[in-house]
Amino acid sequence: MVQGPDTNQKLSDNYSKIKETEGILAKNPKMSKKNQAVLQDKIAGLVKDSSNEINKTLNRFGTLPIETIKELSAIELEQFKIRKQLEGFDKKFYF
C-alpha cells in the first residue's frame, strides 16, 4: 500500500501552488476578468483544501492523550524533513 503525503507535505504543496498562482496574477495585471476569476477560484480551492486537511488532523488527534499527539507530531515532522531531503537528492543526482 502506498502512503499518501502527510499533512505537512500537503500544506506545503498547497502553499507553493498558491504562491505560484498569486505570482501569475501579479505578473499579468491585464489578464481577462474570466481568467483572473479562474485563478482566484484555484487559490480559494487550495485554501479550502488546506483548511480541511488541518481540521481532519485536529479531529484525528482530538481523542488522543496529549503525550501521544506530541509523539505522533514529532514522527510526522521527521517524515516531512526526510521527504524534503529526498526530493532535493532526486533533483540533484537524476536531472
Protein backbone atom coordinates (compact mmCIF):
# COMPACT_ATOMS: atom_id res chain seq x y z
CA MET A 1 0.00 0.00 0.00
CA VAL A 2 1.31 3.45 -0.89
CA GLN A 3 1.12 6.02 1.88
CA GLY A 4 -0.12 9.42 0.84
CA PRO A 5 1.69 12.60 1.73
CA ASP A 6 1.43 13.69 5.34
CA THR A 7 -0.33 16.85 6.46
CA ASN A 8 2.83 18.97 6.38
CA GLN A 9 3.56 17.88 2.82
CA LYS A 10 0.02 18.61 1.65
CA LEU A 11 0.04 22.04 3.28
CA SER A 12 3.48 22.81 1.84
CA ASP A 13 2.37 21.76 -1.64
CA ASN A 14 -0.78 23.85 -1.42
CA TYR A 15 1.21 26.86 -0.18
CA SER A 16 3.60 26.56 -3.14
CA LYS A 17 0.69 26.34 -5.59
CA ILE A 18 -0.99 29.36 -4.00
CA LYS A 19 2.20 31.44 -4.20
CA GLU A 20 2.75 30.39 -7.81
CA THR A 21 -0.82 31.31 -8.76
CA GLU A 22 -0.59 34.65 -6.94
CA GLY A 23 2.59 35.33 -8.89
CA ILE A 24 0.82 34.67 -12.16
CA LEU A 25 -1.93 37.11 -11.18
CA ALA A 26 0.57 39.76 -10.10
CA LYS A 27 2.64 39.49 -13.30
CA ASN A 28 -0.39 39.73 -15.57
CA PRO A 29 -2.45 42.72 -14.47
CA LYS A 30 -4.14 42.93 -17.89
CA MET A 31 -5.39 39.34 -17.72
CA SER A 32 -9.04 38.95 -18.59
CA LYS A 33 -11.51 39.03 -15.71
CA LYS A 34 -12.57 35.49 -16.63
CA ASN A 35 -9.02 34.14 -16.32
CA GLN A 36 -8.48 36.10 -13.10
CA ALA A 37 -11.60 34.51 -11.66
CA VAL A 38 -10.39 31.04 -12.63
CA LEU A 39 -7.07 31.61 -10.86
CA GLN A 40 -8.74 33.15 -7.82
CA ASP A 41 -11.05 30.14 -7.62
CA LYS A 42 -7.98 27.90 -7.78
CA ILE A 43 -6.47 29.77 -4.83
CA ALA A 44 -9.73 29.58 -2.88
CA GLY A 45 -9.90 25.84 -3.52
CA LEU A 46 -6.34 25.33 -2.29
CA VAL A 47 -7.03 27.37 0.85
CA LYS A 48 -10.18 25.33 1.50
CA ASP A 49 -8.27 22.09 0.92
CA SER A 50 -5.59 23.18 3.40
CA SER A 51 -8.21 24.16 5.95
CA ASN A 52 -9.95 20.80 5.55
CA GLU A 53 -6.64 18.99 5.99
CA ILE A 54 -5.92 20.89 9.20
CA ASN A 55 -9.41 20.14 10.52
CA LYS A 56 -9.05 16.47 9.62
CA THR A 57 -5.79 16.31 11.56
CA LEU A 58 -7.30 18.11 14.54
CA ASN A 59 -10.26 15.72 14.57
CA ARG A 60 -7.96 12.73 14.37
CA PHE A 61 -5.93 13.94 17.32
CA GLY A 62 -8.91 15.16 19.33
CA THR A 63 -9.42 11.90 21.19
CA LEU A 64 -5.78 11.07 21.88
CA PRO A 65 -3.81 11.86 25.04
CA ILE A 66 -1.51 14.89 24.62
CA GLU A 67 1.62 12.74 25.03
CA THR A 68 0.58 10.57 22.09
CA ILE A 69 -0.20 13.64 20.00
CA LYS A 70 3.27 15.06 20.67
CA GLU A 71 4.91 11.75 19.73
CA LEU A 72 2.90 11.42 16.53
CA SER A 73 3.55 15.05 15.60
CA ALA A 74 7.29 14.54 16.06
CA ILE A 75 7.20 11.45 13.82
CA GLU A 76 5.23 13.30 11.15
CA LEU A 77 7.68 16.19 11.24
CA GLU A 78 10.63 13.81 10.80
CA GLN A 79 8.90 12.14 7.85
CA PHE A 80 8.37 15.54 6.27
CA LYS A 81 12.03 16.52 6.74
CA ILE A 82 13.24 13.23 5.27
CA ARG A 83 10.90 13.55 2.30
CA LYS A 84 12.18 17.07 1.61
CA GLN A 85 15.79 15.83 1.77
CA LEU A 86 14.99 13.03 -0.66
CA GLU A 87 13.31 15.43 -3.06
CA GLY A 88 16.49 17.51 -3.14
CA PHE A 89 18.57 14.36 -3.63
CA ASP A 90 16.47 13.22 -6.57
CA LYS A 91 16.75 16.59 -8.32
CA LYS A 92 20.47 16.88 -7.68
CA PHE A 93 21.50 13.46 -8.95
CA TYR A 94 18.91 12.45 -11.51
CA PHE A 95 18.20 15.57 -13.53
